[in-house]
Every structure is written in structure tokens, then in C-alpha cells.
Amino acid sequence: MIRVLIADDQTLVRAGFRMVVDARDDLSVVGEAADGAEAVAMASELHPDVVLMDVRMPVMDGIEATRRITALGDSTRVLILTTFDLDRYVYEALRAGAAGFLLKDAPPTELAAAVRAVAAGDSLLAPSVTRRLIERFVALPAPPSATPETLADLSAREAEVLRLVARGLSNQQIAEQLVVSTATVKSHVARLLMKLGLHDRTQAVVLAYETGFVTPGR
């Protein structure tokens, strides 16, 4: 059973998400938080598998709450809830350790699938939304003339996979582009994450853009 904590300051929104989650046999809501501080306290106490986290909340916003929850060091994963126009603070939430983000008006089946994916250790980075998000909000220095030191240990194929991951491609899409199996892509992703000391694909995307390894708009 995947245990979910819902953090949103709107009672009706929380109720709606609870209905969607509890309607699935493999998902269960273990708590509801009305602000970020409450979300941190409940995450520390309940150790949920996934936190559905709103960005704009009183007392403590979702970014700081995400930062504190991921700093707890347990297996709790944070899925940011945002609006269609891409909240300007979502990128900061990803930097804080969120596993990805989901549109608030996503259909119930998509929400359930997102919770399952994040609980399984995957990052939820929808290609079309991710590309817009990163290109709009990542402020970068000029791209370095050489491969950043943090990425120097990657093989040529791992570096190629990282570039495709950073552009929002799924494992299946990467496999099709490189003409390899999805299992091979998963293996490359796992190795590059290990070499870079990262937890998931989200952190890999952030690192790729922040170091200039991949540049917005290219």
C-alpha cells in the first residue's frame, strides 16, 4: 500500500485529492496538512511514501516544506502540485528535492499514476511541461567551454543519455532515439545517477542545466 500525505491550504482541494487517492486499492491517504509547517511535522511523524505538496501555503510555503522533508533522510518523496501556467516557484521546489510536479487539474487516473511512479522512485517530469518550465525559469551563466568536472566521469553514452533526460524524454523515448532497449536506458540512468551522487532524474535535470551541460532552447 502506498501511503500518501496531502498538503494544501484549500479544504476542498484536499478533499478532492483524498477521494481520488482512496478510491485506488493500492493507495491510501494517511494525513492532510493545511500548511507547509504542518506538512513537515506530519511527514516526520507518519513517514508517508509520497507527499502531494502545494506550493503556495500559509505559515510555510511548499518549497521550504519540501526542503525540510527531503532533509529528513527517509524515503518520503514529494510531488509538487502546480497550475497550468507554471508557478514561478516550481523550479525552486525541484531544486529543494521534489521528485517532480503535477498539474492540479490532471485527471484522476493521471494523479494516481503519478503517485505510483514517484513512490517507485521515478521522477515525474512530463516532457512538454518540463521543457517550458526549465527554459523559462533556469537562469544560467554562459555554458562552460569544457565538460563540468562533476560530469567528467560519465561515459560518452551516459552523457548522451543525460542530455536526453534533461530535455524531458522518457526512457522509452530515449531507447527509441538511441536504438537500444529500455532496460539498457534504465541501466545507463542508474549508473549516471550513481556517478553523480544523485537520487533521481529530477536532480539530474537540475544539475545538467545549472552546470550548462544542457542549455535552455537548444
Foldseek 3Di string as FASTA:
>chain_A
DAEEEEEAQDPVLVVVLQVLQVVDPVGHYPYYHNFLVRLLVCCVVPVGLEYEAEADGPPHGRQVSLLSSVVVPDNYAYEYEDAPVADLCVLSSLVSPHLEYDYSPDDSVVVNVQSVQVSVQAGDQALVVLLVNCLVHDDEDAADPDDDPLQVPQDPVLLVLLQVLLNPDDLVRVCVVVVHDSVVSVVSQVVSCVSNVHRYSSVSNVVCDHNNVDDRPD
